[in-house]
Protein backbone atom coordinates (compact mmCIF):
# COMPACT_ATOMS: atom_id res chain seq x y z
CA MET A 1 230.80 163.49 246.76
CA ILE A 2 228.51 163.54 243.79
CA TYR A 3 229.47 165.58 240.68
CA VAL A 4 227.57 166.39 237.55
CA VAL A 5 229.70 166.61 234.34
CA ASN A 6 228.75 167.12 230.71
CA LYS A 7 228.38 163.98 228.78
CA LYS A 8 230.00 165.46 225.73
CA ARG A 9 233.29 165.82 227.46
CA LYS A 10 235.93 163.09 226.51
CA LEU A 11 235.84 160.22 228.85
CA GLU A 12 239.63 160.38 229.35
CA ASN A 13 239.36 164.08 230.43
CA ILE A 14 236.60 163.11 233.02
CA LYS A 15 238.78 160.25 234.28
CA GLU A 16 241.69 162.70 234.68
CA ASP A 17 239.63 165.10 236.60
CA PHE A 18 238.00 162.40 238.73
CA PRO A 19 240.60 159.51 238.79
CA ASN A 20 238.87 157.06 241.12
CA ALA A 21 235.32 158.11 240.66
CA ALA A 22 232.43 155.85 239.46
CA ILE A 23 231.09 157.35 236.19
CA LEU A 24 227.49 156.84 235.42
CA ASP A 25 225.62 158.07 232.36
CA ILE A 26 222.08 158.75 233.22
CA THR A 27 220.90 160.33 229.99
CA SER A 28 218.49 158.67 227.49
CA THR A 29 221.32 157.49 225.46
CA SER A 30 222.97 155.65 228.21
CA ASN A 31 223.90 152.04 227.11
CA MET A 32 223.04 150.79 230.69
CA ARG A 33 219.31 150.48 231.28
CA TYR A 34 219.61 150.93 235.08
CA ALA A 35 221.18 154.30 234.47
CA GLN A 36 218.94 155.24 231.64
CA ILE A 37 215.86 154.85 233.66
CA LEU A 38 216.81 158.02 235.57
CA SER A 39 216.39 160.04 232.36
CA PRO A 40 213.32 162.35 232.19
CA PHE A 41 212.78 160.82 228.63
CA TYR A 42 212.44 157.33 229.87
CA PRO A 43 208.79 156.01 229.43
CA HIS A 44 207.84 154.74 232.89
CA MET A 45 204.23 155.29 231.93
CA ASN A 46 201.25 156.45 234.08
CA ILE A 47 203.07 159.54 235.37
CA PRO A 48 200.55 162.02 236.88
CA ILE A 49 200.36 165.40 235.01
CA PRO A 50 200.25 168.14 237.72
CA PHE A 51 196.95 169.87 238.17
CA THR A 52 195.21 167.47 235.80
CA GLU A 53 193.14 164.89 237.72
CA GLY A 54 192.97 161.56 235.96
CA LEU A 55 195.41 162.14 233.17
CA THR A 56 198.83 160.67 232.93
CA ALA A 57 201.94 160.81 230.58
CA THR A 58 204.63 158.40 229.53
CA CYS A 59 207.55 160.16 230.90
CA VAL A 60 208.63 163.46 232.77
CA GLU A 61 209.66 165.16 229.47
CA ALA A 62 206.32 164.45 227.95
CA VAL A 63 204.61 166.29 230.80
CA TRP A 64 207.04 169.17 230.47
CA GLN A 65 206.80 169.51 226.73
CA GLY A 66 203.15 168.56 226.42
CA LEU A 67 202.08 171.37 228.65
CA LYS A 68 203.94 174.08 226.67
CA VAL A 69 202.01 176.77 225.00
CA PHE A 70 202.94 178.68 221.95
CA ASP A 71 201.31 181.45 219.84
CA GLY A 72 198.56 179.39 218.00
CA VAL A 73 199.61 176.10 219.52
CA ASP A 74 198.31 174.88 222.83
CA VAL A 75 198.78 171.74 225.00
CA ASP A 76 199.71 168.65 222.87
CA PHE A 77 197.97 165.61 224.19
CA ALA A 78 199.85 163.47 221.73
CA THR A 79 203.04 164.41 223.44
CA PHE A 80 201.72 162.93 226.62
CA ARG A 81 201.42 159.52 224.84
CA ASN A 82 204.92 159.50 223.21
CA ASP A 83 206.80 156.56 224.61
CA THR A 84 209.57 156.30 222.19
CA MET A 85 212.16 158.71 223.87
CA HIS A 86 212.31 160.54 220.63
CA ASP A 87 210.56 163.54 219.11
CA LEU A 88 209.40 164.85 222.37
CA LYS A 89 210.98 168.35 222.13
CA ARG A 90 208.54 170.99 221.15
CA THR A 91 211.08 173.77 219.87
CA VAL A 92 211.16 177.48 219.30
CA ARG A 93 212.37 176.60 215.76
CA LYS A 94 209.30 174.74 214.97
CA TYR A 95 206.68 176.52 216.93
CA GLY A 96 207.99 180.03 217.74
CA MET A 97 208.46 181.56 221.07
CA PRO A 98 206.66 179.89 223.90
CA LYS A 99 204.00 181.84 225.96
CA GLY A 100 204.40 179.58 229.05
CA HIS A 101 203.27 176.36 230.39
CA ARG A 102 199.59 175.49 230.88
CA LYS A 103 198.80 174.95 234.61
CA GLY A 104 197.23 171.52 233.92
CA ALA A 105 196.13 170.14 230.59
CA TYR A 106 192.66 171.74 230.88
CA GLY A 107 193.78 174.88 232.89
CA LYS A 108 193.29 178.45 231.94
CA GLU A 109 196.37 179.81 233.75
CA LEU A 110 199.77 180.05 232.07
CA LEU A 111 202.88 179.62 234.19
CA GLY A 112 206.18 181.40 233.55
CA TYR A 113 209.34 179.53 233.05
CA PHE A 114 210.53 179.53 236.60
CA GLU A 115 206.98 178.88 237.98
CA ALA A 116 206.56 175.96 235.58
CA ARG A 117 210.03 174.54 236.59
CA MET A 118 209.01 174.53 240.29
CA LEU A 119 205.44 173.47 239.98
CA ILE A 120 205.57 171.06 236.99
CA TYR A 121 209.01 169.78 236.18
CA LEU A 122 210.52 169.31 239.67
CA PRO A 123 207.44 167.60 241.39
CA THR A 124 207.01 165.36 238.22
CA TYR A 125 210.58 164.23 238.23
CA LYS A 126 210.40 163.69 242.06
CA TRP A 127 207.26 161.61 241.63
CA VAL A 128 209.37 159.24 239.49
CA LEU A 129 212.08 159.14 242.13
CA ASP A 130 209.67 158.40 244.86
CA ASN A 131 207.26 156.06 243.15
CA VAL A 132 209.01 154.00 240.56
CA PRO A 133 210.62 151.15 242.55
CA GLU A 134 213.55 150.31 240.25
CA VAL A 135 214.42 153.98 239.91
CA HIS A 136 214.26 154.49 243.78
CA HIS A 137 216.67 151.45 244.05
CA VAL A 138 219.19 152.78 241.80
CA VAL A 139 219.20 156.16 243.50
CA GLU A 140 219.71 154.42 246.83
CA ARG A 141 222.62 152.52 245.46
CA ILE A 142 224.21 155.74 244.29
CA LYS A 143 223.56 157.31 247.53
CA GLU A 144 225.32 154.47 249.40
CA GLN A 145 228.31 154.30 246.97
CA SER A 146 228.77 158.05 247.27
CA LYS A 147 229.67 157.55 251.04
CA ILE A 148 232.89 155.72 250.01
CA GLN A 149 233.68 156.94 246.53
CA ASP A 150 233.22 159.94 244.24
CA ILE A 151 230.31 159.57 241.82
CA VAL A 152 230.13 161.39 238.45
CA LEU A 153 226.69 161.57 236.84
CA LEU A 154 226.90 162.45 233.18
CA ASP A 155 224.23 164.70 231.72
CA TYR A 156 223.79 166.78 228.71
CA ASN A 157 222.79 169.76 230.89
CA THR A 158 225.08 170.74 233.83
CA ASN A 159 223.17 173.55 235.56
CA ILE A 160 222.61 171.90 239.05
CA ASP A 161 220.94 174.98 240.56
CA PHE A 162 217.11 175.02 240.21
CA ARG A 163 217.04 178.72 240.84
CA ASP A 164 219.29 179.46 237.84
CA ALA A 165 216.63 180.02 235.20
CA SER A 166 219.13 181.22 232.64
CA LYS A 167 219.97 177.65 231.58
CA PRO A 168 218.07 174.33 231.24
CA LEU A 169 218.25 172.35 234.46
CA SER A 170 220.19 169.15 234.89
CA HIS A 171 218.15 166.25 236.04
CA ALA A 172 221.41 164.79 237.36
CA GLY A 173 221.56 167.78 239.74
CA LEU A 174 218.04 166.78 240.87
CA VAL A 175 219.24 163.35 241.55
CA ARG A 176 222.00 164.93 243.76
CA LEU A 177 219.69 167.17 245.53
CA TYR A 178 217.28 164.18 246.16
CA ILE A 179 220.10 162.16 247.60
CA GLU A 180 221.33 165.00 249.82
CA GLY A 181 217.82 165.63 251.12
CA ASN A 182 217.71 169.13 249.61
CA TYR A 183 215.01 168.58 246.97
CA PRO A 184 212.82 171.65 246.86
CA GLU A 185 209.08 171.43 247.39
CA GLY A 186 206.72 173.87 245.71
CA LEU A 187 207.42 177.51 244.80
CA GLU A 188 207.03 179.35 248.09
CA GLY A 189 210.11 180.91 249.36
CA TYR A 190 212.06 180.46 245.99
CA GLN A 191 212.89 183.13 243.41
CA PRO A 192 214.97 182.94 240.29
CA MET A 193 218.62 184.05 240.65
CA THR A 194 219.30 187.74 240.35
CA LYS A 195 221.93 188.98 237.88
CA ASP A 196 224.41 189.43 240.70
CA GLU A 197 223.66 185.95 242.04
CA LEU A 198 224.32 184.52 238.59
CA GLU A 199 227.65 186.28 238.39
CA GLN A 200 228.51 184.85 241.80
CA LYS A 201 227.51 181.42 240.65
CA LYS A 202 229.95 181.73 237.58
CA LEU A 203 232.76 182.54 239.95
CA ARG A 204 232.05 179.70 242.38
CA ASP A 205 231.88 177.33 239.35
CA LYS A 206 235.25 178.65 238.13
CA ASN A 207 236.71 178.04 241.61
CA LEU A 208 235.21 174.68 241.92
CA ARG A 209 236.76 173.48 238.59
CA LYS A 210 240.23 174.71 239.88
CA GLU A 211 239.71 172.84 243.03
CA ILE A 212 238.78 169.60 241.14
CA LYS A 213 242.01 169.83 239.12
CA LYS A 214 243.89 170.33 242.23
CA GLN A 215 242.52 167.44 244.06
CA ALA A 216 242.68 165.10 240.97
CA GLU A 217 246.50 164.22 241.60
CA ILE A 218 245.60 163.37 245.28
CA LYS A 219 242.66 161.15 244.29
CA LYS A 220 244.75 159.10 241.84
CA ILE A 221 246.48 157.22 244.75
CA LEU A 222 243.04 155.61 245.46
CA GLY A 223 242.00 152.35 243.89
CA ASP A 224 239.30 151.97 241.34
CA ILE A 225 235.96 150.84 242.70
CA THR A 226 233.17 149.53 240.52
CA LEU A 227 229.64 150.91 241.20
CA PHE A 228 227.63 148.34 239.49
CA ASP A 229 228.38 144.91 237.96
CA ASN A 230 228.50 144.77 234.24
CA ASN A 231 225.93 142.04 234.04
CA GLU A 232 222.90 144.18 235.37
């Protein structure tokens, strides 16, 4: 089983809940490069920008942030070229409320948040999972290990449901969907969660946390298994 857990949690608490799991930090601040390359901030370079023929960006986050449009501030081509993993966020605090995402760097149409998630962010991240060999290799190793051991993927965001537009999306959740063969394609057939569905999700998440606590003692009888060698 693959779980997504907030990186800000204390490691000892994570180990208590998942006593025999392999824990992998796949954020941009991971100290393991083979895990860090799964971050949307990692500069793989030459990533196609959706709806923009011939123009690429350094990383997934550069695509997402660069296509944001604010009152008086449009597409930021400099963001597409940012390869530092820093200063990529174009925030409300600095630019004011966003109007949407430009559908292509030179496009006229503005996409709403959910549309942009489905048509820009998800396909761009999937492009990396599909087309960057070392990323695909790591994902395959996680997939194989998850067959014999629980895997905990650490991320700053833990919203793993792409239809929940009330919170930022976890890229670790997208890795899980990809491994499970459930990665969504396009926008057709998908709608943001309704208020009732969001309430139901909260209840499911609460019950899942209870179940994890319940199963933790059972899993402690299993031996530790290492997912990756330390020298990679």
